[in-house]
Amino acid sequence: MIEEHVLPRLAAAGVRLVQVARERRHVTKAGDGVVILDDSRAPTQLYTDGACTLYDEMVEAGTIPQSGNRHCSIHAKGDALDPVIARLTRGQPYRHVMGFEAGERRRAEKDAGYNTDLRTGVYPLIEWGWFRDDAVAYIDSVIQAEVGKSACTFCPFAFANMTSRREVFARYTDDPGVGAQTLLMEHLALALNPAQGLVGGRRLVDMIRDQKLAGVLDSFDQLLSEQMHAVYDVRRILRPRKSDPAKLGNAARSVRARMRGTREDMDAILARLAAEERAQGVLEREVGEDGIVRLYKHRRDSTFPTIERHFVVAPALAIAKEHTRFDQWWEDALAAGATARVAA
């Protein structure tokens, strides 16, 4: 839609379009790690992927975008755009035009908090009193076609209401592979953390089943079977909030892949581990509501600080990740009796 309807208009008006992306997860404020994909006043191609996509970042971290914040926008957009904007404006004052609609005044107010002596946020849709429907109607009047709400096929905000969900499910129906990729990301995140449902804590896979999108589910099963799998050792330390010790303050997580192989082999190893350790009362086997088998050695308690540890089989896409001091924190928590061993 962009290549057919927008780029020709930009070219006709001589508008300079700079397309950027990240080459790696972490980039510097100076722009190291940011690549220019295209810089043109006559653009013909829209680049939708860079060397390091947001999807790559999510699966490597074994997590999903969070509906409680927009950190994904900061990482995938702001981190790549800000150093390029600074380079283009060369220390001169500039207006930063943002497409927040009239129903997003809070987002505009938050964005205005980032204004500086050089940067001034501008919000024309809000100034015009245009809501999303007004913008959609205008676009339709110009190009006689409706553009989808988001290019991201796994954005939790795209599932915020029934209309948006229908749009996403229609995209999945048209291209089941896109839906399957999203389910793969959620499945990995769920394996490492059962609370990680993509849609505000609700599992997208359950919604797909409810919608009877068999093509998406079949594509997901096929994609899952093609993945190298791993037995993950997942540990968490959950600390109390300083202002209220009864509430969770923060959590530290360690994720280690203990072994890798086919899904069948990893499932067999987990089953053998469960059988061997069950006799000693060391591990507790649980099949979660998500259908994923986990072996728990420690379960979190209702008071803080507490710890938890489980073993699980999942696609070998997440990278080992933990703070350099995690092992010491873990030993300290065990010594302090943060939780009791699970008895089978």
C-alpha atoms as a PDB file:
ATOM      1  CA  MET A   1       0.000   0.000   0.000  1.00  0.00           C
ATOM      2  CA  ILE A   2       2.827   2.391   0.842  1.00  0.00           C
ATOM      3  CA  GLU A   3       4.788   1.595  -2.306  1.00  0.00           C
ATOM      4  CA  GLU A   4       1.725   1.938  -4.495  1.00  0.00           C
ATOM      5  CA  HIS A   5       0.097   5.012  -3.001  1.00  0.00           C
ATOM      6  CA  VAL A   6       2.500   6.925  -0.750  1.00  0.00           C
ATOM      7  CA  LEU A   7       5.973   6.693  -2.227  1.00  0.00           C
ATOM      8  CA  PRO A   8       4.952   8.062  -5.650  1.00  0.00           C
ATOM      9  CA  ARG A   9       3.391  11.081  -3.903  1.00  0.00           C
ATOM     10  CA  LEU A  10       6.544  11.667  -1.868  1.00  0.00           C
ATOM     11  CA  ALA A  11       8.644  11.449  -5.025  1.00  0.00           C
ATOM     12  CA  ALA A  12       6.367  13.848  -6.906  1.00  0.00           C
ATOM     13  CA  ALA A  13       6.682  16.378  -4.089  1.00  0.00           C
ATOM     14  CA  GLY A  14      10.440  15.850  -3.715  1.00  0.00           C
ATOM     15  CA  VAL A  15      10.109  14.791  -0.079  1.00  0.00           C
ATOM     16  CA  ARG A  16      13.231  13.229   1.335  1.00  0.00           C
ATOM     17  CA  LEU A  17      12.557   9.811   2.871  1.00  0.00           C
ATOM     18  CA  VAL A  18      15.245   8.240   5.045  1.00  0.00           C
ATOM     19  CA  GLN A  19      14.668   4.617   6.055  1.00  0.00           C
ATOM     20  CA  VAL A  20      16.719   3.298   8.959  1.00  0.00           C
ATOM     21  CA  ALA A  21      17.090   0.119  10.990  1.00  0.00           C
ATOM     22  CA  ARG A  22      19.207  -1.448  13.710  1.00  0.00           C
ATOM     23  CA  GLU A  23      22.106  -3.738  12.854  1.00  0.00           C
ATOM     24  CA  ARG A  24      22.149  -5.102  16.398  1.00  0.00           C
ATOM     25  CA  ARG A  25      19.960  -5.002  19.489  1.00  0.00           C
ATOM     26  CA  HIS A  26      21.838  -2.256  21.292  1.00  0.00           C
ATOM     27  CA  VAL A  27      22.804   0.953  19.519  1.00  0.00           C
ATOM     28  CA  THR A  28      24.567   4.052  20.793  1.00  0.00           C
ATOM     29  CA  LYS A  29      23.256   7.605  20.976  1.00  0.00           C
ATOM     30  CA  ALA A  30      25.888   8.461  18.384  1.00  0.00           C
ATOM     31  CA  GLY A  31      24.260   6.010  15.975  1.00  0.00           C
ATOM     32  CA  ASP A  32      26.663   3.076  16.126  1.00  0.00           C
ATOM     33  CA  GLY A  33      24.592   0.045  15.216  1.00  0.00           C
ATOM     34  CA  VAL A  34      22.167   2.000  13.030  1.00  0.00           C
ATOM     35  CA  VAL A  35      22.134   1.475   9.273  1.00  0.00           C
ATOM     36  CA  ILE A  36      20.612   3.654   6.545  1.00  0.00           C
ATOM     37  CA  LEU A  37      18.559   1.388   4.272  1.00  0.00           C
ATOM     38  CA  ASP A  38      17.560   4.129   1.826  1.00  0.00           C
ATOM     39  CA  ASP A  39      17.904   7.910   1.582  1.00  0.00           C
ATOM     40  CA  SER A  40      16.084   9.305  -1.404  1.00  0.00           C
ATOM     41  CA  ARG A  41      13.798  12.016  -2.772  1.00  0.00           C
ATOM     42  CA  ALA A  42      12.464   9.518  -5.294  1.00  0.00           C
ATOM     43  CA  PRO A  43      11.890   6.374  -3.187  1.00  0.00           C
ATOM     44  CA  THR A  44      10.385   3.308  -4.835  1.00  0.00           C
ATOM     45  CA  GLN A  45      10.817   0.593  -2.177  1.00  0.00           C
ATOM     46  CA  LEU A  46       9.666   0.375   1.423  1.00  0.00           C
ATOM     47  CA  TYR A  47      12.075  -1.609   3.583  1.00  0.00           C
ATOM     48  CA  THR A  48      10.206  -3.587   6.237  1.00  0.00           C
ATOM     49  CA  ASP A  49      13.101  -5.516   7.790  1.00  0.00           C
ATOM     50  CA  GLY A  50      16.548  -4.659   9.002  1.00  0.00           C
ATOM     51  CA  ALA A  51      19.378  -6.854  10.233  1.00  0.00           C
ATOM     52  CA  CYS A  52      17.921  -6.836  13.759  1.00  0.00           C
ATOM     53  CA  THR A  53      14.146  -6.746  13.888  1.00  0.00           C
ATOM     54  CA  LEU A  54      11.924  -6.328  16.918  1.00  0.00           C
ATOM     55  CA  TYR A  55      10.845  -9.950  16.425  1.00  0.00           C
ATOM     56  CA  ASP A  56      14.489 -11.050  16.652  1.00  0.00           C
ATOM     57  CA  GLU A  57      14.877  -9.089  19.867  1.00  0.00           C
ATOM     58  CA  MET A  58      11.755 -10.611  21.404  1.00  0.00           C
ATOM     59  CA  VAL A  59      12.605 -14.253  20.701  1.00  0.00           C
ATOM     60  CA  GLU A  60      16.247 -13.874  21.717  1.00  0.00           C
ATOM     61  CA  ALA A  61      15.060 -12.475  25.036  1.00  0.00           C
ATOM     62  CA  GLY A  62      12.358 -15.128  25.314  1.00  0.00           C
ATOM     63  CA  THR A  63       9.653 -12.519  25.828  1.00  0.00           C
ATOM     64  CA  ILE A  64       6.878 -10.595  24.052  1.00  0.00           C
ATOM     65  CA  PRO A  65       5.971  -6.917  23.621  1.00  0.00           C
ATOM     66  CA  GLN A  66       4.287  -5.680  26.788  1.00  0.00           C
ATOM     67  CA  SER A  67       0.882  -4.008  26.585  1.00  0.00           C
ATOM     68  CA  GLY A  68       1.694  -2.084  29.770  1.00  0.00           C
ATOM     69  CA  ASN A  69       4.365   0.002  28.036  1.00  0.00           C
ATOM     70  CA  ARG A  70       5.733   0.942  24.628  1.00  0.00           C
ATOM     71  CA  HIS A  71       9.345  -0.071  25.157  1.00  0.00           C
ATOM     72  CA  CYS A  72       9.227  -1.916  21.840  1.00  0.00           C
ATOM     73  CA  SER A  73       8.638   1.413  20.061  1.00  0.00           C
ATOM     74  CA  ILE A  74      11.573   2.927  21.913  1.00  0.00           C
ATOM     75  CA  HIS A  75      13.874   0.072  20.913  1.00  0.00           C
ATOM     76  CA  ALA A  76      12.748  -0.543  17.340  1.00  0.00           C
ATOM     77  CA  LYS A  77      11.943   3.065  16.389  1.00  0.00           C
ATOM     78  CA  GLY A  78      13.346   5.691  18.722  1.00  0.00           C
ATOM     79  CA  ASP A  79      16.769   4.117  19.204  1.00  0.00           C
ATOM     80  CA  ALA A  80      17.238   3.953  15.441  1.00  0.00           C
ATOM     81  CA  LEU A  81      15.623   7.255  14.508  1.00  0.00           C
ATOM     82  CA  ASP A  82      16.971   9.626  17.172  1.00  0.00           C
ATOM     83  CA  PRO A  83      20.656   9.551  16.158  1.00  0.00           C
ATOM     84  CA  VAL A  84      19.712   9.946  12.487  1.00  0.00           C
ATOM     85  CA  ILE A  85      17.448  12.900  13.288  1.00  0.00           C
ATOM     86  CA  ALA A  86      20.287  14.474  15.249  1.00  0.00           C
ATOM     87  CA  ARG A  87      22.622  13.976  12.295  1.00  0.00           C
ATOM     88  CA  LEU A  88      20.136  15.469   9.830  1.00  0.00           C
ATOM     89  CA  THR A  89      19.207  18.512  11.920  1.00  0.00           C
ATOM     90  CA  ARG A  90      22.845  19.298  12.774  1.00  0.00           C
ATOM     91  CA  GLY A  91      22.154  21.093  16.015  1.00  0.00           C
ATOM     92  CA  GLN A  92      19.417  23.286  14.530  1.00  0.00           C
ATOM     93  CA  PRO A  93      15.893  23.635  16.005  1.00  0.00           C
ATOM     94  CA  TYR A  94      13.360  21.355  14.354  1.00  0.00           C
ATOM     95  CA  ARG A  95       9.713  20.305  14.526  1.00  0.00           C
ATOM     96  CA  HIS A  96       9.031  16.615  15.121  1.00  0.00           C
ATOM     97  CA  VAL A  97       5.618  15.843  13.617  1.00  0.00           C
ATOM     98  CA  MET A  98       3.838  12.924  15.279  1.00  0.00           C
ATOM     99  CA  GLY A  99       0.665  11.200  14.097  1.00  0.00           C
ATOM    100  CA  PHE A 100      -1.197  10.994  17.412  1.00  0.00           C
ATOM    101  CA  GLU A 101      -4.922  11.310  16.803  1.00  0.00           C
ATOM    102  CA  ALA A 102      -7.427  13.314  18.842  1.00  0.00           C
ATOM    103  CA  GLY A 103      -8.099  10.380  21.152  1.00  0.00           C
ATOM    104  CA  GLU A 104      -4.408  10.117  22.062  1.00  0.00           C
ATOM    105  CA  ARG A 105      -3.878  13.384  23.906  1.00  0.00           C
ATOM    106  CA  ARG A 106      -2.135  11.603  26.773  1.00  0.00           C
ATOM    107  CA  ARG A 107       0.433  10.171  24.380  1.00  0.00           C
ATOM    108  CA  ALA A 108       1.004  13.633  22.926  1.00  0.00           C
ATOM    109  CA  GLU A 109       1.394  15.131  26.387  1.00  0.00           C
ATOM    110  CA  LYS A 110       3.935  12.463  27.295  1.00  0.00           C
ATOM    111  CA  ASP A 111       5.781  13.018  24.009  1.00  0.00           C
ATOM    112  CA  ALA A 112       5.877  16.785  24.630  1.00  0.00           C
ATOM    113  CA  GLY A 113       7.820  15.980  27.798  1.00  0.00           C
ATOM    114  CA  TYR A 114      10.730  15.060  25.520  1.00  0.00           C
ATOM    115  CA  ASN A 115      10.874  18.519  23.960  1.00  0.00           C
ATOM    116  CA  THR A 116      14.173  20.359  24.229  1.00  0.00           C
ATOM    117  CA  ASP A 117      15.580  23.703  23.130  1.00  0.00           C
ATOM    118  CA  LEU A 118      15.999  22.073  19.713  1.00  0.00           C
ATOM    119  CA  ARG A 119      13.103  19.616  19.437  1.00  0.00           C
ATOM    120  CA  THR A 120       9.428  20.649  19.381  1.00  0.00           C
ATOM    121  CA  GLY A 121       6.756  17.991  19.059  1.00  0.00           C
ATOM    122  CA  VAL A 122       3.891  18.856  16.699  1.00  0.00           C
ATOM    123  CA  TYR A 123       0.560  16.981  16.610  1.00  0.00           C
ATOM    124  CA  PRO A 124      -1.516  18.107  13.599  1.00  0.00           C
ATOM    125  CA  LEU A 125      -4.270  15.483  13.917  1.00  0.00           C
ATOM    126  CA  ILE A 126      -4.984  16.658  17.450  1.00  0.00           C
ATOM    127  CA  GLU A 127      -4.893  20.296  16.332  1.00  0.00           C
ATOM    128  CA  TRP A 128      -7.454  19.470  13.631  1.00  0.00           C
ATOM    129  CA  GLY A 129      -9.608  17.431  16.000  1.00  0.00           C
ATOM    130  CA  TRP A 130      -9.159  14.345  13.821  1.00  0.00           C
ATOM    131  CA  PHE A 131      -9.789  10.930  15.322  1.00  0.00           C
ATOM    132  CA  ARG A 132      -8.582   7.728  13.677  1.00  0.00           C
ATOM    133  CA  ASP A 133     -11.833   7.315  11.742  1.00  0.00           C
ATOM    134  CA  ASP A 134     -11.385  10.808  10.298  1.00  0.00           C
ATOM    135  CA  ALA A 135      -7.855   9.975   9.149  1.00  0.00           C
ATOM    136  CA  VAL A 136      -8.999   6.655   7.651  1.00  0.00           C
ATOM    137  CA  ALA A 137     -11.848   8.381   5.804  1.00  0.00           C
ATOM    138  CA  TYR A 138      -9.462  10.983   4.387  1.00  0.00           C
ATOM    139  CA  ILE A 139      -6.977   8.365   3.218  1.00  0.00           C
ATOM    140  CA  ASP A 140      -9.808   6.432   1.573  1.00  0.00           C
ATOM    141  CA  SER A 141     -11.006   9.576  -0.204  1.00  0.00           C
ATOM    142  CA  VAL A 142      -7.538  10.108  -1.678  1.00  0.00           C
ATOM    143  CA  ILE A 143      -6.432   6.578  -2.614  1.00  0.00           C
ATOM    144  CA  GLN A 144      -9.772   4.716  -2.576  1.00  0.00           C
ATOM    145  CA  ALA A 145      -8.297   2.029  -0.344  1.00  0.00           C
ATOM    146  CA  GLU A 146      -7.954   1.390   3.382  1.00  0.00           C
ATOM    147  CA  VAL A 147      -4.534   0.846   4.921  1.00  0.00           C
ATOM    148  CA  GLY A 148      -4.162  -1.514   7.896  1.00  0.00           C
ATOM    149  CA  LYS A 149      -3.726  -0.094  11.378  1.00  0.00           C
ATOM    150  CA  SER A 150      -0.222  -1.418  12.039  1.00  0.00           C
ATOM    151  CA  ALA A 151       2.610  -2.954  10.074  1.00  0.00           C
ATOM    152  CA  CYS A 152       3.493  -4.986  13.164  1.00  0.00           C
ATOM    153  CA  THR A 153       1.777  -8.366  13.074  1.00  0.00           C
ATOM    154  CA  PHE A 154       2.314  -9.072  16.786  1.00  0.00           C
ATOM    155  CA  CYS A 155       1.574  -5.720  18.425  1.00  0.00           C
ATOM    156  CA  PRO A 156      -0.470  -6.270  21.616  1.00  0.00           C
ATOM    157  CA  PHE A 157      -2.202  -2.923  21.084  1.00  0.00           C
ATOM    158  CA  ALA A 158      -3.600  -4.270  17.802  1.00  0.00           C
ATOM    159  CA  PHE A 159      -5.770  -6.623  19.873  1.00  0.00           C
ATOM    160  CA  ALA A 160      -7.180  -3.844  22.060  1.00  0.00           C
ATOM    161  CA  ASN A 161     -10.731  -4.049  20.685  1.00  0.00           C
ATOM    162  CA  MET A 162     -12.933  -6.309  18.600  1.00  0.00           C
ATOM    163  CA  THR A 163     -12.530  -4.316  15.388  1.00  0.00           C
ATOM    164  CA  SER A 164      -8.739  -4.351  15.584  1.00  0.00           C
ATOM    165  CA  ARG A 165      -8.705  -8.054  16.419  1.00  0.00           C
ATOM    166  CA  ARG A 166     -10.818  -8.819  13.373  1.00  0.00           C
ATOM    167  CA  GLU A 167      -8.310  -6.957  11.206  1.00  0.00           C
ATOM    168  CA  VAL A 168      -5.385  -8.917  12.646  1.00  0.00           C
ATOM    169  CA  PHE A 169      -7.184 -12.258  12.346  1.00  0.00           C
ATOM    170  CA  ALA A 170      -8.033 -11.445   8.732  1.00  0.00           C
ATOM    171  CA  ARG A 171      -4.328 -10.858   8.071  1.00  0.00           C
ATOM    172  CA  TYR A 172      -3.512 -14.176   9.711  1.00  0.00           C
ATOM    173  CA  THR A 173      -6.130 -15.924   7.598  1.00  0.00           C
ATOM    174  CA  ASP A 174      -4.678 -14.429   4.422  1.00  0.00           C
ATOM    175  CA  ASP A 175      -1.138 -15.365   5.470  1.00  0.00           C
ATOM    176  CA  PRO A 176      -1.152 -18.145   8.115  1.00  0.00           C
ATOM    177  CA  GLY A 177       2.643 -18.063   8.272  1.00  0.00           C
ATOM    178  CA  VAL A 178       2.526 -14.577   9.802  1.00  0.00           C
ATOM    179  CA  GLY A 179       0.189 -15.769  12.529  1.00  0.00           C
ATOM    180  CA  ALA A 180       2.361 -18.843  13.076  1.00  0.00           C
ATOM    181  CA  GLN A 181       5.449 -16.688  13.645  1.00  0.00           C
ATOM    182  CA  THR A 182       3.563 -14.698  16.260  1.00  0.00           C
ATOM    183  CA  LEU A 183       2.395 -17.875  18.002  1.00  0.00           C
ATOM    184  CA  LEU A 184       5.973 -19.189  18.003  1.00  0.00           C
ATOM    185  CA  MET A 185       7.155 -16.051  19.788  1.00  0.00           C
ATOM    186  CA  GLU A 186       4.348 -16.336  22.345  1.00  0.00           C
ATOM    187  CA  HIS A 187       4.945 -20.065  22.852  1.00  0.00           C
ATOM    188  CA  LEU A 188       8.606 -19.501  23.731  1.00  0.00           C
ATOM    189  CA  ALA A 189       7.727 -16.668  26.103  1.00  0.00           C
ATOM    190  CA  LEU A 190       5.036 -18.803  27.770  1.00  0.00           C
ATOM    191  CA  ALA A 191       7.441 -21.700  28.252  1.00  0.00           C
ATOM    192  CA  LEU A 192       9.808 -19.434  30.163  1.00  0.00           C
ATOM    193  CA  ASN A 193       7.032 -17.540  31.964  1.00  0.00           C
ATOM    194  CA  PRO A 194       3.438 -18.882  32.088  1.00  0.00           C
ATOM    195  CA  ALA A 195       2.102 -15.349  32.656  1.00  0.00           C
ATOM    196  CA  GLN A 196       3.376 -14.079  29.296  1.00  0.00           C
ATOM    197  CA  GLY A 197       0.180 -14.025  27.227  1.00  0.00           C
ATOM    198  CA  LEU A 198       0.527 -11.632  24.288  1.00  0.00           C
ATOM    199  CA  VAL A 199      -2.862  -9.941  24.663  1.00  0.00           C
ATOM    200  CA  GLY A 200      -2.610  -8.222  28.039  1.00  0.00           C
ATOM    201  CA  GLY A 201      -1.795 -11.506  29.754  1.00  0.00           C
ATOM    202  CA  ARG A 202      -4.330 -13.492  27.714  1.00  0.00           C
ATOM    203  CA  ARG A 203      -2.895 -16.107  25.386  1.00  0.00           C
ATOM    204  CA  LEU A 204      -3.191 -15.351  21.695  1.00  0.00           C
ATOM    205  CA  VAL A 205      -3.110 -19.068  20.891  1.00  0.00           C
ATOM    206  CA  ASP A 206      -6.369 -19.498  22.847  1.00  0.00           C
ATOM    207  CA  MET A 207      -7.986 -16.680  20.887  1.00  0.00           C
ATOM    208  CA  ILE A 208      -6.839 -18.256  17.620  1.00  0.00           C
ATOM    209  CA  ARG A 209      -8.426 -21.546  18.695  1.00  0.00           C
ATOM    210  CA  ASP A 210     -11.643 -19.767  19.660  1.00  0.00           C
ATOM    211  CA  GLN A 211     -11.739 -18.174  16.208  1.00  0.00           C
ATOM    212  CA  LYS A 212     -11.198 -21.636  14.675  1.00  0.00           C
ATOM    213  CA  LEU A 213      -8.345 -20.397  12.495  1.00  0.00           C
ATOM    214  CA  ALA A 214      -7.243 -23.914  11.609  1.00  0.00           C
ATOM    215  CA  GLY A 215      -4.854 -22.752   8.904  1.00  0.00           C
ATOM    216  CA  VAL A 216      -2.911 -20.628  11.380  1.00  0.00           C
ATOM    217  CA  LEU A 217      -2.771 -23.427  13.949  1.00  0.00           C
ATOM    218  CA  ASP A 218      -1.629 -25.952  11.340  1.00  0.00           C
ATOM    219  CA  SER A 219       1.066 -23.552  10.159  1.00  0.00           C
ATOM    220  CA  PHE A 220       2.177 -23.008  13.768  1.00  0.00           C
ATOM    221  CA  ASP A 221       2.388 -26.751  14.440  1.00  0.00           C
ATOM    222  CA  GLN A 222       4.494 -27.174  11.314  1.00  0.00           C
ATOM    223  CA  LEU A 223       6.765 -24.261  12.231  1.00  0.00           C
ATOM    224  CA  LEU A 224       7.181 -25.563  15.771  1.00  0.00           C
ATOM    225  CA  SER A 225       8.120 -29.028  14.529  1.00  0.00           C
ATOM    226  CA  GLU A 226      10.867 -27.534  12.349  1.00  0.00           C
ATOM    227  CA  GLN A 227      12.591 -25.758  15.260  1.00  0.00           C
ATOM    228  CA  MET A 228      15.650 -26.955  17.106  1.00  0.00           C
ATOM    229  CA  HIS A 229      14.578 -27.256  20.741  1.00  0.00           C
ATOM    230  CA  ALA A 230      16.310 -26.917  24.080  1.00  0.00           C
ATOM    231  CA  VAL A 231      15.805 -27.867  27.700  1.00  0.00           C
ATOM    232  CA  TYR A 232      15.816 -24.527  29.502  1.00  0.00           C
ATOM    233  CA  ASP A 233      16.727 -23.985  33.142  1.00  0.00           C
ATOM    234  CA  VAL A 234      14.774 -20.901  34.278  1.00  0.00           C
ATOM    235  CA  ARG A 235      15.384 -19.221  37.637  1.00  0.00           C
ATOM    236  CA  ARG A 236      13.806 -16.103  39.124  1.00  0.00           C
ATOM    237  CA  ILE A 237      14.458 -14.027  42.200  1.00  0.00           C
ATOM    238  CA  LEU A 238      11.485 -11.862  43.134  1.00  0.00           C
ATOM    239  CA  ARG A 239      12.180  -8.989  45.490  1.00  0.00           C
ATOM    240  CA  PRO A 240       9.792  -6.822  47.521  1.00  0.00           C
ATOM    241  CA  ARG A 241       8.888  -3.259  46.728  1.00  0.00           C
ATOM    242  CA  LYS A 242      10.693  -0.863  49.068  1.00  0.00           C
ATOM    243  CA  SER A 243       7.572   1.196  49.685  1.00  0.00           C
ATOM    244  CA  ASP A 244       5.404  -1.887  50.270  1.00  0.00           C
ATOM    245  CA  PRO A 245       7.201  -5.153  51.131  1.00  0.00           C
ATOM    246  CA  ALA A 246       3.992  -7.100  50.497  1.00  0.00           C
ATOM    247  CA  LYS A 247       4.134  -6.254  46.789  1.00  0.00           C
ATOM    248  CA  LEU A 248       6.580  -7.298  44.067  1.00  0.00           C
ATOM    249  CA  GLY A 249       9.257  -4.734  43.419  1.00  0.00           C
ATOM    250  CA  ASN A 250      11.473  -6.288  40.747  1.00  0.00           C
ATOM    251  CA  ALA A 251      12.568  -9.644  39.447  1.00  0.00           C
ATOM    252  CA  ALA A 252      15.910 -10.977  38.226  1.00  0.00           C
ATOM    253  CA  ARG A 253      15.846 -13.858  35.745  1.00  0.00           C
ATOM    254  CA  SER A 254      18.376 -16.399  34.581  1.00  0.00           C
ATOM    255  CA  VAL A 255      17.753 -18.417  31.401  1.00  0.00           C
ATOM    256  CA  ARG A 256      20.167 -21.168  30.417  1.00  0.00           C
ATOM    257  CA  ALA A 257      19.782 -23.801  27.684  1.00  0.00           C
ATOM    258  CA  ARG A 258      21.114 -26.995  29.271  1.00  0.00           C
ATOM    259  CA  MET A 259      21.006 -29.067  26.071  1.00  0.00           C
ATOM    260  CA  ARG A 260      19.745 -28.812  22.493  1.00  0.00           C
ATOM    261  CA  GLY A 261      18.307 -31.234  19.967  1.00  0.00           C
ATOM    262  CA  THR A 262      15.084 -32.277  18.303  1.00  0.00           C
ATOM    263  CA  ARG A 263      11.812 -31.591  20.034  1.00  0.00           C
ATOM    264  CA  GLU A 264      11.208 -35.307  20.523  1.00  0.00           C
ATOM    265  CA  ASP A 265      14.635 -35.862  22.091  1.00  0.00           C
ATOM    266  CA  MET A 266      14.270 -32.894  24.434  1.00  0.00           C
ATOM    267  CA  ASP A 267      10.778 -34.024  25.501  1.00  0.00           C
ATOM    268  CA  ALA A 268      12.206 -37.494  26.226  1.00  0.00           C
ATOM    269  CA  ILE A 269      15.007 -36.030  28.328  1.00  0.00           C
ATOM    270  CA  LEU A 270      12.549 -33.924  30.320  1.00  0.00           C
ATOM    271  CA  ALA A 271      10.328 -36.964  30.894  1.00  0.00           C
ATOM    272  CA  ARG A 272      13.313 -39.038  32.032  1.00  0.00           C
ATOM    273  CA  LEU A 273      14.434 -36.251  34.347  1.00  0.00           C
ATOM    274  CA  ALA A 274      10.952 -36.075  35.842  1.00  0.00           C
ATOM    275  CA  ALA A 275      10.859 -39.831  36.438  1.00  0.00           C
ATOM    276  CA  GLU A 276      14.323 -39.960  37.981  1.00  0.00           C
ATOM    277  CA  GLU A 277      13.899 -36.985  40.260  1.00  0.00           C
ATOM    278  CA  ARG A 278      10.293 -37.678  41.209  1.00  0.00           C
ATOM    279  CA  ALA A 279      11.380 -40.708  43.232  1.00  0.00           C
ATOM    280  CA  GLN A 280      13.618 -38.432  45.283  1.00  0.00           C
ATOM    281  CA  GLY A 281      10.940 -35.806  45.800  1.00  0.00           C
ATOM    282  CA  VAL A 282      13.049 -33.153  44.090  1.00  0.00           C
ATOM    283  CA  LEU A 283      10.961 -32.032  41.122  1.00  0.00           C
ATOM    284  CA  GLU A 284       7.259 -31.510  40.597  1.00  0.00           C
ATOM    285  CA  ARG A 285       5.849 -32.071  37.096  1.00  0.00           C
ATOM    286  CA  GLU A 286       3.068 -29.765  35.980  1.00  0.00           C
ATOM    287  CA  VAL A 287       1.147 -29.413  32.741  1.00  0.00           C
ATOM    288  CA  GLY A 288       0.089 -25.784  32.631  1.00  0.00           C
ATOM    289  CA  GLU A 289      -3.138 -24.329  31.292  1.00  0.00           C
ATOM    290  CA  ASP A 290      -1.127 -23.558  28.168  1.00  0.00           C
ATOM    291  CA  GLY A 291      -0.406 -27.275  27.705  1.00  0.00           C
ATOM    292  CA  ILE A 292       3.316 -26.837  28.335  1.00  0.00           C
ATOM    293  CA  VAL A 293       5.079 -29.319  30.632  1.00  0.00           C
ATOM    294  CA  ARG A 294       7.307 -27.786  33.322  1.00  0.00           C
ATOM    295  CA  LEU A 295       9.365 -29.394  36.065  1.00  0.00           C
ATOM    296  CA  TYR A 296       9.471 -27.216  39.175  1.00  0.00           C
ATOM    297  CA  LYS A 297      12.260 -27.393  41.708  1.00  0.00           C
ATOM    298  CA  HIS A 298      11.233 -24.212  43.509  1.00  0.00           C
ATOM    299  CA  ARG A 299       7.907 -22.388  43.383  1.00  0.00           C
ATOM    300  CA  ARG A 300       7.480 -18.757  44.261  1.00  0.00           C
ATOM    301  CA  ASP A 301       5.905 -18.047  47.630  1.00  0.00           C
ATOM    302  CA  SER A 302       3.230 -15.441  48.327  1.00  0.00           C
ATOM    303  CA  THR A 303       5.660 -13.328  50.356  1.00  0.00           C
ATOM    304  CA  PHE A 304       8.807 -11.571  49.189  1.00  0.00           C
ATOM    305  CA  PRO A 305      11.650 -12.151  48.661  1.00  0.00           C
ATOM    306  CA  THR A 306      11.009 -15.486  47.011  1.00  0.00           C
ATOM    307  CA  ILE A 307      12.489 -17.603  44.234  1.00  0.00           C
ATOM    308  CA  GLU A 308      11.327 -20.049  41.611  1.00  0.00           C
ATOM    309  CA  ARG A 309      13.013 -22.496  39.277  1.00  0.00           C
ATOM    310  CA  HIS A 310      11.692 -24.729  36.523  1.00  0.00           C
ATOM    311  CA  PHE A 311      12.899 -26.808  33.574  1.00  0.00           C
ATOM    312  CA  VAL A 312      11.010 -26.708  30.280  1.00  0.00           C
ATOM    313  CA  VAL A 313      11.362 -27.683  26.610  1.00  0.00           C
ATOM    314  CA  ALA A 314      10.958 -24.878  24.063  1.00  0.00           C
ATOM    315  CA  PRO A 315      12.403 -23.703  20.718  1.00  0.00           C
ATOM    316  CA  ALA A 316      16.135 -23.024  21.019  1.00  0.00           C
ATOM    317  CA  LEU A 317      15.772 -19.355  20.052  1.00  0.00           C
ATOM    318  CA  ALA A 318      16.328 -17.618  23.388  1.00  0.00           C
ATOM    319  CA  ILE A 319      19.900 -16.733  24.236  1.00  0.00           C
ATOM    320  CA  ALA A 320      21.442 -17.323  27.648  1.00  0.00           C
ATOM    321  CA  LYS A 321      20.807 -14.246  29.739  1.00  0.00           C
ATOM    322  CA  GLU A 322      21.467 -13.335  33.352  1.00  0.00           C
ATOM    323  CA  HIS A 323      23.143 -10.636  35.413  1.00  0.00           C
ATOM    324  CA  THR A 324      26.799 -11.304  36.158  1.00  0.00           C
ATOM    325  CA  ARG A 325      25.952 -11.463  39.861  1.00  0.00           C
ATOM    326  CA  PHE A 326      22.881 -13.655  39.504  1.00  0.00           C
ATOM    327  CA  ASP A 327      24.466 -16.821  40.885  1.00  0.00           C
ATOM    328  CA  GLN A 328      25.544 -14.956  44.011  1.00  0.00           C
ATOM    329  CA  TRP A 329      22.069 -13.464  44.414  1.00  0.00           C
ATOM    330  CA  TRP A 330      20.611 -16.945  44.034  1.00  0.00           C
ATOM    331  CA  GLU A 331      22.879 -18.448  46.680  1.00  0.00           C
ATOM    332  CA  ASP A 332      22.082 -15.576  49.019  1.00  0.00           C
ATOM    333  CA  ALA A 333      18.358 -16.122  48.497  1.00  0.00           C
ATOM    334  CA  LEU A 334      18.678 -19.845  49.180  1.00  0.00           C
ATOM    335  CA  ALA A 335      20.720 -19.199  52.317  1.00  0.00           C
ATOM    336  CA  ALA A 336      18.080 -16.757  53.517  1.00  0.00           C
ATOM    337  CA  GLY A 337      15.397 -19.422  53.080  1.00  0.00           C
ATOM    338  CA  ALA A 338      13.481 -17.420  50.480  1.00  0.00           C
ATOM    339  CA  THR A 339      11.412 -20.467  49.554  1.00  0.00           C
ATOM    340  CA  ALA A 340      11.140 -24.207  50.224  1.00  0.00           C
ATOM    341  CA  ARG A 341      12.061 -27.027  47.867  1.00  0.00           C
ATOM    342  CA  VAL A 342       9.126 -28.542  46.038  1.00  0.00           C
ATOM    343  CA  ALA A 343       8.311 -32.098  47.086  1.00  0.00           C
ATOM    344  CA  ALA A 344       6.723 -34.344  44.510  1.00  0.00           C
END
